[in-house]
Amino acid sequence: MSSRLTLSNRQENLKLLLEFVGKWAQERGLSASRQASLKGVTGEIFRHLVTHAYRPEQPGSITVVLEEKGPRLRLIFEDDAAPHNPLQPDKPTTPQGTSSAEGTPPLRRVQQMADSLIYYRTPDRKNRLVVFLTL
C-alpha cells in the first residue's frame, strides 16, 4: 500500500512532510532509529529539491510517495522543475569563476544509505527520483 503527499516547493512545508513520514512510519511499527533515518533521507531530498531544482520564488510542487516493497521501502519524489539530475555531481567553480573538473555529488548521505537511487524524466515532463531503502 502506498501513501502520497503533494506540497508546494517551499521550505516551510518540510515540517508537514516530516509529520506525514513520521505518521506513516509509526503506523508500520518502525523503530525510533528507523523513523529518524527515514525522516533524515526524506528531509535531505526535499531540501535539495527546494534549493537546487527551482529558481528562487519559482512556484512548483513536489509529490512524495511512500511504498512498502517487502523488506524495503520505495520513496518516490516527483517535481515539476526544469530537468535536473540530483545524482550528478555539482560542478564547483574556481575563484576565477570557471568550473573545475571534479564536483561533489549532491545527496551524498542519501546515496550512502540507499540500496539504490534512480532518476528519470517522465513522459509528462516531470523529474522523478526513486529511492530504495532497507529499513
N, C-alpha and C. Protein backbone atom coordinates (compact mmCIF):
# COMPACT_ATOMS: atom_id res chain seq x y z
N MET A 1 0.84 -1.17 0.00
CA MET A 1 0.00 0.00 0.00
C MET A 1 0.89 1.24 0.00
N SER A 2 0.49 2.25 -0.72
CA SER A 2 1.30 3.46 -0.80
C SER A 2 0.56 4.65 -0.20
N SER A 3 1.34 5.62 0.22
CA SER A 3 0.82 6.88 0.73
C SER A 3 1.46 7.99 -0.08
N ARG A 4 0.68 9.03 -0.38
CA ARG A 4 1.14 10.11 -1.26
C ARG A 4 0.82 11.46 -0.63
N LEU A 5 1.76 12.40 -0.78
CA LEU A 5 1.56 13.76 -0.32
C LEU A 5 2.16 14.70 -1.36
N THR A 6 1.41 15.72 -1.74
CA THR A 6 1.92 16.74 -2.66
C THR A 6 1.96 18.07 -1.92
N LEU A 7 3.12 18.73 -2.02
CA LEU A 7 3.36 20.00 -1.34
C LEU A 7 3.90 21.02 -2.33
N SER A 8 3.71 22.29 -2.03
CA SER A 8 4.38 23.31 -2.83
C SER A 8 5.86 23.30 -2.46
N ASN A 9 6.68 23.81 -3.34
CA ASN A 9 8.14 23.77 -3.18
C ASN A 9 8.64 24.89 -2.26
N ARG A 10 8.12 24.92 -1.06
CA ARG A 10 8.51 25.94 -0.09
C ARG A 10 9.13 25.25 1.11
N GLN A 11 10.23 25.80 1.58
CA GLN A 11 10.99 25.20 2.68
C GLN A 11 10.12 24.96 3.92
N GLU A 12 9.17 25.84 4.18
CA GLU A 12 8.34 25.68 5.38
C GLU A 12 7.44 24.44 5.32
N ASN A 13 7.29 23.83 4.15
CA ASN A 13 6.50 22.61 4.03
C ASN A 13 7.26 21.37 4.50
N LEU A 14 8.53 21.53 4.81
CA LEU A 14 9.31 20.40 5.31
C LEU A 14 8.68 19.84 6.58
N LYS A 15 8.19 20.68 7.45
CA LYS A 15 7.57 20.21 8.70
C LYS A 15 6.37 19.31 8.39
N LEU A 16 5.51 19.72 7.46
CA LEU A 16 4.36 18.90 7.08
C LEU A 16 4.80 17.56 6.51
N LEU A 17 5.82 17.59 5.69
CA LEU A 17 6.34 16.36 5.09
C LEU A 17 6.86 15.41 6.16
N LEU A 18 7.64 15.93 7.10
CA LEU A 18 8.21 15.07 8.15
C LEU A 18 7.12 14.51 9.07
N GLU A 19 6.08 15.27 9.31
CA GLU A 19 4.93 14.75 10.09
C GLU A 19 4.25 13.61 9.34
N PHE A 20 4.06 13.79 8.05
CA PHE A 20 3.46 12.76 7.20
C PHE A 20 4.30 11.48 7.24
N VAL A 21 5.61 11.62 7.07
CA VAL A 21 6.51 10.47 7.07
C VAL A 21 6.52 9.80 8.44
N GLY A 22 6.56 10.61 9.50
CA GLY A 22 6.57 10.06 10.85
C GLY A 22 5.31 9.25 11.15
N LYS A 23 4.16 9.76 10.76
CA LYS A 23 2.90 9.05 10.97
C LYS A 23 2.90 7.74 10.19
N TRP A 24 3.33 7.80 8.94
CA TRP A 24 3.40 6.61 8.10
C TRP A 24 4.30 5.55 8.74
N ALA A 25 5.46 5.97 9.22
CA ALA A 25 6.42 5.04 9.82
C ALA A 25 5.88 4.46 11.13
N GLN A 26 5.23 5.27 11.94
CA GLN A 26 4.65 4.77 13.19
C GLN A 26 3.56 3.75 12.92
N GLU A 27 2.73 4.00 11.92
CA GLU A 27 1.66 3.06 11.58
C GLU A 27 2.20 1.70 11.16
N ARG A 28 3.42 1.67 10.70
CA ARG A 28 4.04 0.42 10.27
C ARG A 28 4.97 -0.16 11.33
N GLY A 29 5.03 0.48 12.48
CA GLY A 29 5.80 -0.05 13.59
C GLY A 29 7.31 0.06 13.45
N LEU A 30 7.78 1.01 12.67
CA LEU A 30 9.22 1.19 12.54
C LEU A 30 9.80 1.70 13.86
N SER A 31 10.99 1.23 14.19
CA SER A 31 11.65 1.67 15.42
C SER A 31 11.98 3.16 15.33
N ALA A 32 12.26 3.75 16.47
CA ALA A 32 12.59 5.18 16.51
C ALA A 32 13.80 5.49 15.64
N SER A 33 14.81 4.61 15.65
CA SER A 33 16.01 4.88 14.85
C SER A 33 15.72 4.78 13.36
N ARG A 34 14.86 3.85 12.98
CA ARG A 34 14.50 3.73 11.56
C ARG A 34 13.63 4.90 11.12
N GLN A 35 12.75 5.34 12.01
CA GLN A 35 11.95 6.53 11.70
C GLN A 35 12.85 7.74 11.49
N ALA A 36 13.84 7.88 12.36
CA ALA A 36 14.78 9.00 12.24
C ALA A 36 15.55 8.93 10.92
N SER A 37 15.98 7.74 10.54
CA SER A 37 16.70 7.57 9.26
C SER A 37 15.82 7.94 8.09
N LEU A 38 14.58 7.47 8.11
CA LEU A 38 13.65 7.76 7.02
C LEU A 38 13.37 9.25 6.93
N LYS A 39 13.14 9.89 8.07
CA LYS A 39 12.91 11.33 8.08
C LYS A 39 14.14 12.09 7.59
N GLY A 40 15.33 11.62 7.98
CA GLY A 40 16.56 12.27 7.54
C GLY A 40 16.73 12.24 6.03
N VAL A 41 16.52 11.07 5.44
CA VAL A 41 16.63 10.92 3.98
C VAL A 41 15.58 11.77 3.28
N THR A 42 14.35 11.69 3.76
CA THR A 42 13.26 12.46 3.15
C THR A 42 13.52 13.96 3.23
N GLY A 43 13.95 14.42 4.40
CA GLY A 43 14.24 15.84 4.57
C GLY A 43 15.37 16.32 3.69
N GLU A 44 16.41 15.50 3.59
CA GLU A 44 17.56 15.90 2.77
C GLU A 44 17.17 16.04 1.29
N ILE A 45 16.39 15.11 0.80
CA ILE A 45 15.96 15.18 -0.61
C ILE A 45 15.04 16.38 -0.82
N PHE A 46 14.08 16.59 0.06
CA PHE A 46 13.16 17.71 -0.08
C PHE A 46 13.92 19.04 -0.07
N ARG A 47 14.83 19.20 0.89
CA ARG A 47 15.61 20.45 0.96
C ARG A 47 16.42 20.65 -0.32
N HIS A 48 17.00 19.57 -0.81
CA HIS A 48 17.80 19.67 -2.05
C HIS A 48 16.92 20.13 -3.21
N LEU A 49 15.75 19.54 -3.34
CA LEU A 49 14.87 19.94 -4.45
C LEU A 49 14.44 21.39 -4.34
N VAL A 50 14.07 21.81 -3.14
CA VAL A 50 13.61 23.19 -2.95
C VAL A 50 14.73 24.18 -3.27
N THR A 51 15.95 23.87 -2.85
CA THR A 51 17.04 24.83 -3.01
C THR A 51 17.81 24.71 -4.32
N HIS A 52 17.76 23.55 -4.99
CA HIS A 52 18.55 23.36 -6.20
C HIS A 52 17.74 23.16 -7.48
N ALA A 53 16.56 22.60 -7.38
CA ALA A 53 15.79 22.29 -8.60
C ALA A 53 15.02 23.50 -9.11
N TYR A 54 14.63 24.37 -8.21
CA TYR A 54 13.81 25.53 -8.58
C TYR A 54 14.60 26.82 -8.45
N ARG A 55 14.28 27.78 -9.31
CA ARG A 55 14.84 29.13 -9.16
C ARG A 55 14.18 29.78 -7.96
N PRO A 56 14.82 30.75 -7.33
CA PRO A 56 14.19 31.44 -6.19
C PRO A 56 12.82 32.00 -6.58
N GLU A 57 11.87 31.78 -5.73
CA GLU A 57 10.49 32.25 -5.89
C GLU A 57 9.73 31.58 -7.04
N GLN A 58 10.32 30.58 -7.69
CA GLN A 58 9.61 29.87 -8.75
C GLN A 58 8.57 28.94 -8.12
N PRO A 59 7.29 29.06 -8.50
CA PRO A 59 6.30 28.16 -7.93
C PRO A 59 6.47 26.75 -8.48
N GLY A 60 6.10 25.79 -7.68
CA GLY A 60 6.18 24.40 -8.13
C GLY A 60 5.62 23.47 -7.08
N SER A 61 5.58 22.20 -7.43
CA SER A 61 5.07 21.21 -6.49
C SER A 61 5.98 19.99 -6.47
N ILE A 62 6.00 19.36 -5.30
CA ILE A 62 6.79 18.16 -5.09
C ILE A 62 5.85 17.11 -4.50
N THR A 63 5.78 15.96 -5.14
CA THR A 63 4.96 14.86 -4.65
C THR A 63 5.89 13.80 -4.06
N VAL A 64 5.52 13.31 -2.91
CA VAL A 64 6.29 12.26 -2.23
C VAL A 64 5.38 11.05 -2.07
N VAL A 65 5.89 9.89 -2.46
CA VAL A 65 5.15 8.64 -2.34
C VAL A 65 5.98 7.68 -1.49
N LEU A 66 5.34 7.06 -0.52
CA LEU A 66 5.97 6.04 0.32
C LEU A 66 5.28 4.71 0.06
N GLU A 67 6.08 3.67 -0.24
CA GLU A 67 5.52 2.35 -0.52
C GLU A 67 6.37 1.29 0.14
N GLU A 68 5.71 0.30 0.72
CA GLU A 68 6.42 -0.86 1.24
C GLU A 68 6.58 -1.86 0.10
N LYS A 69 7.78 -2.35 -0.05
CA LYS A 69 8.08 -3.36 -1.06
C LYS A 69 8.82 -4.49 -0.36
N GLY A 70 8.07 -5.37 0.33
CA GLY A 70 8.70 -6.42 1.12
C GLY A 70 9.50 -5.80 2.25
N PRO A 71 10.76 -6.19 2.40
CA PRO A 71 11.58 -5.62 3.47
C PRO A 71 12.12 -4.23 3.14
N ARG A 72 11.84 -3.78 1.93
CA ARG A 72 12.36 -2.48 1.52
C ARG A 72 11.25 -1.46 1.40
N LEU A 73 11.66 -0.22 1.40
CA LEU A 73 10.76 0.92 1.24
C LEU A 73 11.13 1.62 -0.05
N ARG A 74 10.12 1.95 -0.83
CA ARG A 74 10.36 2.76 -2.04
C ARG A 74 9.84 4.16 -1.75
N LEU A 75 10.73 5.10 -1.89
CA LEU A 75 10.44 6.51 -1.65
C LEU A 75 10.57 7.21 -3.00
N ILE A 76 9.49 7.84 -3.46
CA ILE A 76 9.49 8.49 -4.77
C ILE A 76 9.27 9.98 -4.58
N PHE A 77 10.13 10.76 -5.20
CA PHE A 77 9.98 12.22 -5.24
C PHE A 77 9.75 12.61 -6.69
N GLU A 78 8.69 13.35 -6.93
CA GLU A 78 8.41 13.83 -8.28
C GLU A 78 8.18 15.33 -8.22
N ASP A 79 8.86 16.05 -9.10
CA ASP A 79 8.74 17.52 -9.11
C ASP A 79 8.54 18.02 -10.52
N ASP A 80 8.08 19.27 -10.61
CA ASP A 80 7.79 19.87 -11.90
C ASP A 80 8.80 20.94 -12.29
N ALA A 81 9.98 20.87 -11.73
CA ALA A 81 11.04 21.82 -12.06
C ALA A 81 11.64 21.48 -13.43
N ALA A 82 12.53 22.34 -13.88
CA ALA A 82 13.26 22.07 -15.13
C ALA A 82 14.06 20.78 -14.96
N PRO A 83 14.43 20.12 -16.05
CA PRO A 83 15.21 18.88 -15.92
C PRO A 83 16.47 19.09 -15.07
N HIS A 84 16.66 18.19 -14.15
CA HIS A 84 17.86 18.20 -13.30
C HIS A 84 18.05 16.79 -12.76
N ASN A 85 19.26 16.35 -12.70
CA ASN A 85 19.55 15.04 -12.15
C ASN A 85 20.27 15.22 -10.83
N PRO A 86 19.59 14.99 -9.71
CA PRO A 86 20.23 15.21 -8.41
C PRO A 86 21.32 14.20 -8.08
N LEU A 87 21.52 13.23 -8.95
CA LEU A 87 22.58 12.25 -8.72
C LEU A 87 23.88 12.64 -9.40
N GLN A 88 23.84 13.67 -10.25
CA GLN A 88 25.05 14.14 -10.93
C GLN A 88 25.81 15.09 -10.03
N PRO A 89 27.14 15.00 -10.02
CA PRO A 89 27.93 15.91 -9.18
C PRO A 89 27.74 17.37 -9.58
N ASP A 90 27.69 18.22 -8.55
CA ASP A 90 27.70 19.66 -8.80
C ASP A 90 29.09 20.03 -9.30
N LYS A 91 29.17 20.94 -10.24
CA LYS A 91 30.48 21.38 -10.72
C LYS A 91 30.86 22.65 -9.95
N PRO A 92 31.82 22.51 -9.05
CA PRO A 92 32.22 23.69 -8.29
C PRO A 92 32.96 24.68 -9.18
N THR A 93 32.93 25.91 -8.77
CA THR A 93 33.64 26.92 -9.54
C THR A 93 34.92 27.30 -8.82
N THR A 94 35.88 27.70 -9.60
CA THR A 94 37.15 28.16 -9.05
C THR A 94 37.01 29.63 -8.66
N PRO A 95 37.97 30.19 -7.94
CA PRO A 95 37.88 31.62 -7.62
C PRO A 95 37.76 32.51 -8.85
N GLN A 96 38.22 32.02 -9.99
CA GLN A 96 38.13 32.80 -11.23
C GLN A 96 36.75 32.68 -11.88
N GLY A 97 35.85 31.85 -11.30
CA GLY A 97 34.51 31.71 -11.82
C GLY A 97 34.34 30.64 -12.87
N THR A 98 35.37 29.84 -13.14
CA THR A 98 35.24 28.76 -14.11
C THR A 98 34.95 27.46 -13.37
N SER A 99 34.35 26.52 -14.10
CA SER A 99 34.03 25.23 -13.48
C SER A 99 35.29 24.40 -13.35
N SER A 100 35.41 23.71 -12.22
CA SER A 100 36.51 22.78 -12.06
C SER A 100 36.04 21.40 -12.51
N ALA A 101 36.95 20.49 -12.73
CA ALA A 101 36.62 19.18 -13.28
C ALA A 101 35.87 18.30 -12.29
N GLU A 102 36.22 18.33 -11.04
CA GLU A 102 35.62 17.45 -10.04
C GLU A 102 34.51 18.16 -9.31
N GLY A 103 33.44 17.44 -9.04
CA GLY A 103 32.33 18.01 -8.28
C GLY A 103 31.97 17.12 -7.12
N THR A 104 31.16 17.63 -6.24
CA THR A 104 30.68 16.87 -5.10
C THR A 104 29.30 16.34 -5.42
N PRO A 105 29.09 15.04 -5.25
CA PRO A 105 27.76 14.52 -5.53
C PRO A 105 26.75 15.09 -4.54
N PRO A 106 25.65 15.63 -5.02
CA PRO A 106 24.61 16.05 -4.10
C PRO A 106 23.99 14.81 -3.47
N LEU A 107 23.31 14.99 -2.39
CA LEU A 107 22.63 13.89 -1.71
C LEU A 107 23.58 12.75 -1.35
N ARG A 108 24.80 13.09 -0.99
CA ARG A 108 25.81 12.07 -0.67
C ARG A 108 25.33 11.14 0.43
N ARG A 109 24.75 11.71 1.50
CA ARG A 109 24.29 10.88 2.61
C ARG A 109 23.19 9.93 2.15
N VAL A 110 22.29 10.42 1.32
CA VAL A 110 21.21 9.58 0.80
C VAL A 110 21.81 8.45 -0.03
N GLN A 111 22.79 8.76 -0.86
CA GLN A 111 23.41 7.74 -1.70
C GLN A 111 24.09 6.67 -0.85
N GLN A 112 24.64 7.05 0.29
CA GLN A 112 25.30 6.08 1.17
C GLN A 112 24.30 5.19 1.88
N MET A 113 23.12 5.72 2.19
CA MET A 113 22.12 4.96 2.94
C MET A 113 21.22 4.11 2.05
N ALA A 114 21.05 4.50 0.81
CA ALA A 114 20.09 3.84 -0.07
C ALA A 114 20.64 2.56 -0.67
N ASP A 115 19.73 1.62 -0.91
CA ASP A 115 20.09 0.41 -1.65
C ASP A 115 20.29 0.77 -3.12
N SER A 116 19.42 1.66 -3.62
CA SER A 116 19.59 2.16 -4.98
C SER A 116 18.82 3.46 -5.14
N LEU A 117 19.29 4.26 -6.09
CA LEU A 117 18.65 5.52 -6.45
C LEU A 117 18.54 5.56 -7.97
N ILE A 118 17.38 5.98 -8.44
CA ILE A 118 17.15 6.06 -9.88
C ILE A 118 16.52 7.41 -10.17
N TYR A 119 17.06 8.11 -11.16
CA TYR A 119 16.46 9.37 -11.62
C TYR A 119 16.06 9.21 -13.07
N TYR A 120 14.89 9.73 -13.40
CA TYR A 120 14.48 9.80 -14.80
C TYR A 120 13.46 10.90 -14.99
N ARG A 121 13.27 11.26 -16.23
CA ARG A 121 12.29 12.28 -16.61
C ARG A 121 11.06 11.53 -17.12
N THR A 122 9.89 11.88 -16.63
CA THR A 122 8.66 11.19 -17.02
C THR A 122 8.13 11.72 -18.35
N PRO A 123 7.24 10.97 -19.02
CA PRO A 123 6.67 11.45 -20.28
C PRO A 123 5.90 12.78 -20.13
N ASP A 124 5.38 13.03 -18.92
CA ASP A 124 4.67 14.30 -18.71
C ASP A 124 5.60 15.40 -18.21
N ARG A 125 6.90 15.22 -18.46
CA ARG A 125 7.94 16.24 -18.23
C ARG A 125 8.16 16.57 -16.76
N LYS A 126 8.12 15.56 -15.92
CA LYS A 126 8.43 15.74 -14.50
C LYS A 126 9.70 14.97 -14.20
N ASN A 127 10.37 15.41 -13.15
CA ASN A 127 11.56 14.71 -12.67
C ASN A 127 11.12 13.71 -11.62
N ARG A 128 11.66 12.52 -11.68
CA ARG A 128 11.32 11.51 -10.69
C ARG A 128 12.60 10.90 -10.13
N LEU A 129 12.69 10.91 -8.81
CA LEU A 129 13.80 10.27 -8.10
C LEU A 129 13.20 9.15 -7.27
N VAL A 130 13.66 7.93 -7.50
CA VAL A 130 13.19 6.76 -6.79
C VAL A 130 14.32 6.27 -5.90
N VAL A 131 14.01 6.11 -4.62
CA VAL A 131 15.00 5.68 -3.63
C VAL A 131 14.50 4.40 -2.99
N PHE A 132 15.34 3.36 -2.98
CA PHE A 132 15.01 2.12 -2.28
C PHE A 132 15.86 2.07 -1.02
N LEU A 133 15.19 1.84 0.11
CA LEU A 133 15.86 1.75 1.41
C LEU A 133 15.45 0.46 2.09
N THR A 134 16.39 -0.18 2.78
CA THR A 134 16.06 -1.29 3.63
C THR A 134 15.99 -0.75 5.04
N LEU A 135 14.81 -0.79 5.60
CA LEU A 135 14.62 -0.31 6.96
C LEU A 135 14.36 -1.50 7.83
